[in-house]
Amino acid sequence: MGEKGEQSPAGVKYYRLSEIEEQNSFKSTWIIIHNKVYDVTKFLEEHPGGEEVLREQAGGNATESFEDVGHSSDAREMASSMVIGEVHPDDQDKISKPEETLVTTVMEESSWWTNLVIPALAAAIVTLIYRIYTTERE
């Protein structure tokens, strides 16, 4: 088995997605964060969140999970020492991205619902109660 990766003219080592996806065992665990490739194999046992968290992301894009946790600047600095290269430019658009459009759509629908329908319903109920109350007094 030869050397993996491809050297760019700028000296950056590029890895194809197929190469990265193969690195998902206890012997070799790679993850992708912001298009950078990290070899976290030696860090599995030391990871404060447990090795299973890293193992779940092995060979794939861990960007969303990494950012959701809110890692400290110390953690980010430590992670930078594990960078072995970057995802090949031709493969960067193939990395699964978070479903932002779905979340945004749900949020917008929720916002529309809470901003218009609920106040309108509350106004209708108040009006109905007022009419019943004033009708009984007459």
N, C-alpha and C. Protein backbone atom coordinates (compact mmCIF):
# COMPACT_ATOMS: atom_id res chain seq x y z
N MET A 1 0.85 -1.17 0.00
CA MET A 1 0.00 0.00 0.00
C MET A 1 0.89 1.23 0.00
N GLY A 2 0.71 2.10 -0.97
CA GLY A 2 1.56 3.29 -1.10
C GLY A 2 1.11 4.42 -0.21
N GLU A 3 1.82 5.51 -0.29
CA GLU A 3 1.53 6.72 0.48
C GLU A 3 0.20 7.29 0.01
N LYS A 4 -0.65 7.63 0.96
CA LYS A 4 -1.95 8.21 0.62
C LYS A 4 -1.80 9.71 0.45
N GLY A 5 -2.78 10.29 -0.19
CA GLY A 5 -2.80 11.74 -0.33
C GLY A 5 -2.06 12.21 -1.57
N GLU A 6 -2.25 13.49 -1.81
CA GLU A 6 -1.66 14.11 -3.00
C GLU A 6 -1.13 15.47 -2.57
N GLN A 7 0.09 15.77 -2.91
CA GLN A 7 0.71 17.03 -2.52
C GLN A 7 0.29 18.14 -3.47
N SER A 8 -0.16 19.26 -2.92
CA SER A 8 -0.51 20.40 -3.77
C SER A 8 0.75 21.21 -4.05
N PRO A 9 0.69 22.09 -5.04
CA PRO A 9 1.87 22.93 -5.33
C PRO A 9 2.27 23.77 -4.11
N ALA A 10 1.31 24.12 -3.25
CA ALA A 10 1.60 24.95 -2.07
C ALA A 10 2.11 24.10 -0.90
N GLY A 11 2.20 22.80 -1.11
CA GLY A 11 2.72 21.92 -0.06
C GLY A 11 1.65 21.34 0.86
N VAL A 12 0.38 21.61 0.57
CA VAL A 12 -0.71 21.04 1.37
C VAL A 12 -0.98 19.62 0.89
N LYS A 13 -1.17 18.72 1.82
CA LYS A 13 -1.47 17.34 1.45
C LYS A 13 -2.98 17.20 1.31
N TYR A 14 -3.43 16.79 0.14
CA TYR A 14 -4.86 16.62 -0.13
C TYR A 14 -5.23 15.15 -0.08
N TYR A 15 -6.38 14.87 0.51
CA TYR A 15 -6.90 13.51 0.57
C TYR A 15 -8.26 13.45 -0.11
N ARG A 16 -8.46 12.39 -0.87
CA ARG A 16 -9.76 12.16 -1.51
C ARG A 16 -10.71 11.62 -0.46
N LEU A 17 -12.01 11.85 -0.65
CA LEU A 17 -13.01 11.36 0.30
C LEU A 17 -12.94 9.86 0.46
N SER A 18 -12.68 9.15 -0.63
CA SER A 18 -12.60 7.69 -0.56
C SER A 18 -11.47 7.25 0.37
N GLU A 19 -10.36 7.97 0.36
CA GLU A 19 -9.24 7.65 1.26
C GLU A 19 -9.62 7.91 2.71
N ILE A 20 -10.31 9.01 2.94
CA ILE A 20 -10.69 9.39 4.30
C ILE A 20 -11.71 8.41 4.86
N GLU A 21 -12.69 8.04 4.04
CA GLU A 21 -13.74 7.12 4.49
C GLU A 21 -13.19 5.77 4.92
N GLU A 22 -12.06 5.37 4.35
CA GLU A 22 -11.43 4.09 4.71
C GLU A 22 -10.80 4.13 6.11
N GLN A 23 -10.54 5.32 6.62
CA GLN A 23 -9.85 5.47 7.91
C GLN A 23 -10.88 5.53 9.05
N ASN A 24 -11.52 4.42 9.31
CA ASN A 24 -12.58 4.40 10.31
C ASN A 24 -12.47 3.18 11.23
N SER A 25 -11.23 2.86 11.59
CA SER A 25 -11.01 1.72 12.49
C SER A 25 -10.21 2.20 13.70
N PHE A 26 -10.02 1.30 14.67
CA PHE A 26 -9.23 1.65 15.85
C PHE A 26 -7.76 1.86 15.48
N LYS A 27 -7.33 1.24 14.37
CA LYS A 27 -5.95 1.39 13.93
C LYS A 27 -5.70 2.74 13.28
N SER A 28 -6.73 3.28 12.65
CA SER A 28 -6.60 4.56 11.96
C SER A 28 -7.96 5.25 11.92
N THR A 29 -8.07 6.36 12.63
CA THR A 29 -9.33 7.10 12.70
C THR A 29 -9.10 8.53 12.24
N TRP A 30 -9.71 8.87 11.10
CA TRP A 30 -9.61 10.21 10.57
C TRP A 30 -10.99 10.83 10.58
N ILE A 31 -11.05 12.15 10.78
CA ILE A 31 -12.30 12.88 10.67
C ILE A 31 -12.05 14.16 9.88
N ILE A 32 -13.12 14.76 9.39
CA ILE A 32 -13.05 16.01 8.64
C ILE A 32 -13.73 17.10 9.46
N ILE A 33 -13.04 18.23 9.63
CA ILE A 33 -13.64 19.40 10.27
C ILE A 33 -13.25 20.60 9.41
N HIS A 34 -14.24 21.29 8.89
CA HIS A 34 -14.01 22.46 8.01
C HIS A 34 -13.01 22.14 6.90
N ASN A 35 -13.23 21.02 6.23
CA ASN A 35 -12.43 20.57 5.08
C ASN A 35 -10.98 20.23 5.42
N LYS A 36 -10.63 20.22 6.70
CA LYS A 36 -9.30 19.77 7.11
C LYS A 36 -9.43 18.32 7.59
N VAL A 37 -8.40 17.53 7.33
CA VAL A 37 -8.40 16.12 7.70
C VAL A 37 -7.58 15.97 8.97
N TYR A 38 -8.18 15.34 9.99
CA TYR A 38 -7.54 15.14 11.28
C TYR A 38 -7.34 13.65 11.52
N ASP A 39 -6.14 13.28 11.94
CA ASP A 39 -5.88 11.91 12.37
C ASP A 39 -6.01 11.91 13.89
N VAL A 40 -7.12 11.37 14.39
CA VAL A 40 -7.41 11.39 15.83
C VAL A 40 -7.15 10.03 16.47
N THR A 41 -6.48 9.14 15.77
CA THR A 41 -6.26 7.78 16.25
C THR A 41 -5.64 7.75 17.63
N LYS A 42 -4.56 8.48 17.83
CA LYS A 42 -3.85 8.47 19.12
C LYS A 42 -4.61 9.24 20.20
N PHE A 43 -5.60 10.02 19.79
CA PHE A 43 -6.35 10.86 20.74
C PHE A 43 -7.64 10.18 21.22
N LEU A 44 -7.99 9.04 20.63
CA LEU A 44 -9.25 8.38 20.97
C LEU A 44 -9.44 8.20 22.47
N GLU A 45 -8.45 7.66 23.15
CA GLU A 45 -8.59 7.36 24.57
C GLU A 45 -8.52 8.61 25.43
N GLU A 46 -7.94 9.68 24.93
CA GLU A 46 -7.79 10.91 25.70
C GLU A 46 -8.95 11.88 25.53
N HIS A 47 -9.80 11.67 24.52
CA HIS A 47 -10.87 12.62 24.22
C HIS A 47 -11.81 12.74 25.41
N PRO A 48 -11.99 13.96 25.96
CA PRO A 48 -12.84 14.14 27.14
C PRO A 48 -14.28 13.68 26.95
N GLY A 49 -14.77 13.72 25.72
CA GLY A 49 -16.15 13.29 25.44
C GLY A 49 -16.27 11.80 25.22
N GLY A 50 -15.16 11.08 25.34
CA GLY A 50 -15.18 9.64 25.11
C GLY A 50 -14.80 9.31 23.68
N GLU A 51 -14.18 8.17 23.52
CA GLU A 51 -13.71 7.80 22.18
C GLU A 51 -14.86 7.47 21.24
N GLU A 52 -16.00 7.02 21.78
CA GLU A 52 -17.12 6.65 20.91
C GLU A 52 -17.64 7.85 20.12
N VAL A 53 -17.50 9.06 20.69
CA VAL A 53 -17.93 10.26 19.98
C VAL A 53 -17.10 10.44 18.71
N LEU A 54 -15.80 10.24 18.82
CA LEU A 54 -14.93 10.35 17.65
C LEU A 54 -15.15 9.17 16.70
N ARG A 55 -15.37 8.00 17.25
CA ARG A 55 -15.56 6.81 16.42
C ARG A 55 -16.82 6.94 15.55
N GLU A 56 -17.86 7.58 16.09
CA GLU A 56 -19.09 7.77 15.32
C GLU A 56 -18.84 8.62 14.08
N GLN A 57 -17.88 9.53 14.16
CA GLN A 57 -17.59 10.45 13.06
C GLN A 57 -16.47 9.94 12.15
N ALA A 58 -15.87 8.82 12.51
CA ALA A 58 -14.69 8.31 11.79
C ALA A 58 -14.94 8.18 10.29
N GLY A 59 -14.01 8.71 9.52
CA GLY A 59 -14.09 8.63 8.07
C GLY A 59 -15.08 9.60 7.45
N GLY A 60 -15.63 10.50 8.27
CA GLY A 60 -16.65 11.40 7.73
C GLY A 60 -16.50 12.82 8.23
N ASN A 61 -17.52 13.63 7.91
CA ASN A 61 -17.52 15.04 8.23
C ASN A 61 -18.02 15.26 9.66
N ALA A 62 -17.15 15.74 10.53
CA ALA A 62 -17.50 15.97 11.94
C ALA A 62 -17.66 17.45 12.24
N THR A 63 -17.72 18.29 11.22
CA THR A 63 -17.78 19.75 11.42
C THR A 63 -18.95 20.15 12.30
N GLU A 64 -20.15 19.69 11.96
CA GLU A 64 -21.34 20.10 12.70
C GLU A 64 -21.27 19.64 14.15
N SER A 65 -20.86 18.40 14.36
CA SER A 65 -20.75 17.87 15.72
C SER A 65 -19.70 18.64 16.52
N PHE A 66 -18.57 18.94 15.89
CA PHE A 66 -17.50 19.67 16.56
C PHE A 66 -17.97 21.06 16.99
N GLU A 67 -18.67 21.75 16.11
CA GLU A 67 -19.13 23.11 16.40
C GLU A 67 -20.29 23.11 17.40
N ASP A 68 -21.16 22.11 17.33
CA ASP A 68 -22.31 22.04 18.24
C ASP A 68 -21.86 21.92 19.70
N VAL A 69 -20.75 21.25 19.93
CA VAL A 69 -20.26 21.05 21.28
C VAL A 69 -19.69 22.34 21.84
N GLY A 70 -19.19 23.20 20.99
CA GLY A 70 -18.61 24.46 21.44
C GLY A 70 -17.27 24.25 22.10
N HIS A 71 -16.33 23.67 21.36
CA HIS A 71 -15.00 23.40 21.90
C HIS A 71 -14.28 24.69 22.28
N SER A 72 -13.47 24.63 23.32
CA SER A 72 -12.71 25.77 23.81
C SER A 72 -11.56 26.09 22.86
N SER A 73 -10.94 27.23 23.08
CA SER A 73 -9.79 27.60 22.23
C SER A 73 -8.63 26.63 22.48
N ASP A 74 -8.51 26.12 23.72
CA ASP A 74 -7.47 25.12 24.00
C ASP A 74 -7.71 23.84 23.21
N ALA A 75 -8.99 23.43 23.15
CA ALA A 75 -9.33 22.22 22.40
C ALA A 75 -9.06 22.41 20.92
N ARG A 76 -9.37 23.59 20.41
CA ARG A 76 -9.14 23.88 18.99
C ARG A 76 -7.64 23.88 18.69
N GLU A 77 -6.86 24.42 19.61
CA GLU A 77 -5.41 24.44 19.43
C GLU A 77 -4.86 23.01 19.44
N MET A 78 -5.37 22.20 20.36
CA MET A 78 -4.94 20.80 20.43
C MET A 78 -5.31 20.07 19.14
N ALA A 79 -6.52 20.34 18.64
CA ALA A 79 -6.97 19.70 17.41
C ALA A 79 -6.08 20.08 16.23
N SER A 80 -5.63 21.32 16.22
CA SER A 80 -4.80 21.77 15.09
C SER A 80 -3.50 20.97 14.97
N SER A 81 -3.05 20.39 16.08
CA SER A 81 -1.84 19.57 16.02
C SER A 81 -2.10 18.21 15.37
N MET A 82 -3.36 17.87 15.15
CA MET A 82 -3.71 16.57 14.56
C MET A 82 -4.04 16.67 13.08
N VAL A 83 -3.97 17.89 12.51
CA VAL A 83 -4.27 18.07 11.08
C VAL A 83 -3.18 17.40 10.26
N ILE A 84 -3.62 16.56 9.31
CA ILE A 84 -2.66 15.90 8.43
C ILE A 84 -2.79 16.36 6.99
N GLY A 85 -3.84 17.13 6.70
CA GLY A 85 -4.05 17.62 5.35
C GLY A 85 -5.44 18.20 5.19
N GLU A 86 -5.87 18.28 3.95
CA GLU A 86 -7.18 18.83 3.63
C GLU A 86 -7.90 17.93 2.65
N VAL A 87 -9.22 18.08 2.62
CA VAL A 87 -10.03 17.36 1.64
C VAL A 87 -9.67 17.92 0.27
N HIS A 88 -9.48 17.04 -0.69
CA HIS A 88 -9.14 17.45 -2.05
C HIS A 88 -10.19 18.44 -2.55
N PRO A 89 -9.75 19.55 -3.18
CA PRO A 89 -10.70 20.56 -3.66
C PRO A 89 -11.84 19.98 -4.51
N ASP A 90 -11.56 18.96 -5.31
CA ASP A 90 -12.59 18.35 -6.15
C ASP A 90 -13.65 17.63 -5.33
N ASP A 91 -13.32 17.26 -4.08
CA ASP A 91 -14.26 16.51 -3.23
C ASP A 91 -14.95 17.38 -2.19
N GLN A 92 -14.51 18.63 -2.03
CA GLN A 92 -15.07 19.46 -0.97
C GLN A 92 -16.57 19.69 -1.11
N ASP A 93 -17.06 19.80 -2.33
CA ASP A 93 -18.50 20.01 -2.51
C ASP A 93 -19.30 18.72 -2.33
N LYS A 94 -18.62 17.59 -2.19
CA LYS A 94 -19.30 16.30 -2.01
C LYS A 94 -19.53 15.99 -0.53
N ILE A 95 -18.89 16.76 0.34
CA ILE A 95 -19.04 16.53 1.78
C ILE A 95 -20.45 16.91 2.18
N SER A 96 -21.08 16.02 2.95
CA SER A 96 -22.45 16.32 3.38
C SER A 96 -22.44 17.52 4.31
N LYS A 97 -23.29 18.48 3.97
CA LYS A 97 -23.39 19.70 4.75
C LYS A 97 -24.64 19.64 5.62
N PRO A 98 -24.66 20.40 6.71
CA PRO A 98 -25.86 20.43 7.56
C PRO A 98 -27.07 20.91 6.77
N GLU A 99 -28.22 20.39 7.10
CA GLU A 99 -29.47 20.74 6.43
C GLU A 99 -29.98 22.10 6.92
N GLU A 100 -29.26 23.16 6.57
CA GLU A 100 -29.62 24.49 7.05
C GLU A 100 -30.96 24.95 6.51
N THR A 101 -31.26 24.63 5.25
CA THR A 101 -32.50 25.11 4.67
C THR A 101 -33.71 24.51 5.37
N LEU A 102 -33.62 23.25 5.77
CA LEU A 102 -34.72 22.62 6.47
C LEU A 102 -34.94 23.28 7.82
N VAL A 103 -33.89 23.52 8.55
CA VAL A 103 -33.99 24.16 9.85
C VAL A 103 -34.56 25.56 9.71
N THR A 104 -34.08 26.31 8.73
CA THR A 104 -34.55 27.67 8.51
C THR A 104 -36.04 27.67 8.18
N THR A 105 -36.48 26.74 7.34
CA THR A 105 -37.88 26.66 6.97
C THR A 105 -38.75 26.37 8.19
N VAL A 106 -38.35 25.43 9.00
CA VAL A 106 -39.11 25.09 10.19
C VAL A 106 -39.17 26.28 11.13
N MET A 107 -38.03 26.97 11.29
CA MET A 107 -37.99 28.14 12.17
C MET A 107 -38.92 29.23 11.64
N GLU A 108 -38.92 29.46 10.33
CA GLU A 108 -39.77 30.49 9.77
C GLU A 108 -41.24 30.15 9.95
N GLU A 109 -41.61 28.88 9.74
CA GLU A 109 -42.99 28.48 9.94
C GLU A 109 -43.39 28.65 11.39
N SER A 110 -42.51 28.27 12.29
CA SER A 110 -42.78 28.41 13.71
C SER A 110 -42.96 29.88 14.05
N SER A 111 -42.12 30.74 13.51
CA SER A 111 -42.18 32.16 13.77
C SER A 111 -43.51 32.73 13.24
N TRP A 112 -43.91 32.34 12.05
CA TRP A 112 -45.18 32.79 11.47
C TRP A 112 -46.33 32.37 12.37
N TRP A 113 -46.28 31.14 12.82
CA TRP A 113 -47.34 30.59 13.67
C TRP A 113 -47.44 31.38 14.97
N THR A 114 -46.32 31.59 15.63
CA THR A 114 -46.35 32.27 16.93
C THR A 114 -46.61 33.75 16.79
N ASN A 115 -46.19 34.37 15.69
CA ASN A 115 -46.35 35.81 15.54
C ASN A 115 -47.71 36.24 15.02
N LEU A 116 -48.39 35.39 14.28
CA LEU A 116 -49.67 35.79 13.69
C LEU A 116 -50.87 34.99 14.21
N VAL A 117 -50.80 33.70 14.13
CA VAL A 117 -51.96 32.87 14.42
C VAL A 117 -52.32 32.90 15.91
N ILE A 118 -51.36 32.72 16.77
CA ILE A 118 -51.66 32.68 18.20
C ILE A 118 -52.22 34.02 18.69
N PRO A 119 -51.63 35.17 18.37
CA PRO A 119 -52.26 36.44 18.79
C PRO A 119 -53.65 36.64 18.20
N ALA A 120 -53.86 36.25 16.95
CA ALA A 120 -55.18 36.38 16.33
C ALA A 120 -56.20 35.52 17.05
N LEU A 121 -55.79 34.31 17.40
CA LEU A 121 -56.67 33.41 18.13
C LEU A 121 -57.00 33.98 19.51
N ALA A 122 -55.99 34.51 20.18
CA ALA A 122 -56.21 35.11 21.50
C ALA A 122 -57.16 36.30 21.39
N ALA A 123 -57.02 37.13 20.36
CA ALA A 123 -57.90 38.28 20.16
C ALA A 123 -59.34 37.82 19.91
N ALA A 124 -59.50 36.77 19.13
CA ALA A 124 -60.84 36.25 18.85
C ALA A 124 -61.50 35.73 20.13
N ILE A 125 -60.75 35.05 20.98
CA ILE A 125 -61.29 34.54 22.24
C ILE A 125 -61.68 35.68 23.16
N VAL A 126 -60.84 36.69 23.27
CA VAL A 126 -61.15 37.86 24.12
C VAL A 126 -62.41 38.55 23.61
N THR A 127 -62.51 38.72 22.28
CA THR A 127 -63.70 39.35 21.69
C THR A 127 -64.95 38.53 22.00
N LEU A 128 -64.86 37.21 21.86
CA LEU A 128 -65.99 36.33 22.14
C LEU A 128 -66.41 36.43 23.61
N ILE A 129 -65.48 36.40 24.51
CA ILE A 129 -65.78 36.50 25.95
C ILE A 129 -66.41 37.86 26.25
N TYR A 130 -65.89 38.93 25.64
CA TYR A 130 -66.44 40.26 25.86
C TYR A 130 -67.88 40.34 25.39
N ARG A 131 -68.16 39.78 24.21
CA ARG A 131 -69.54 39.81 23.68
C ARG A 131 -70.49 39.01 24.56
N ILE A 132 -70.04 37.85 25.02
CA ILE A 132 -70.90 37.03 25.90
C ILE A 132 -71.15 37.78 27.20
N TYR A 133 -70.14 38.36 27.75
CA TYR A 133 -70.26 39.11 29.02
C TYR A 133 -71.18 40.31 28.90
N THR A 134 -71.03 41.08 27.79
CA THR A 134 -71.88 42.28 27.61
C THR A 134 -73.30 41.89 27.25
N THR A 135 -73.54 40.79 26.56
CA THR A 135 -74.87 40.34 26.20
C THR A 135 -75.64 39.90 27.44
N GLU A 136 -74.98 39.23 28.37
CA GLU A 136 -75.61 38.75 29.60
C GLU A 136 -76.05 39.93 30.47
N ARG A 137 -75.36 41.04 30.44
CA ARG A 137 -75.66 42.18 31.28
C ARG A 137 -76.85 42.96 30.75
N GLU A 138 -77.19 42.85 29.48
CA GLU A 138 -78.28 43.63 28.89
C GLU A 138 -79.60 43.01 29.14
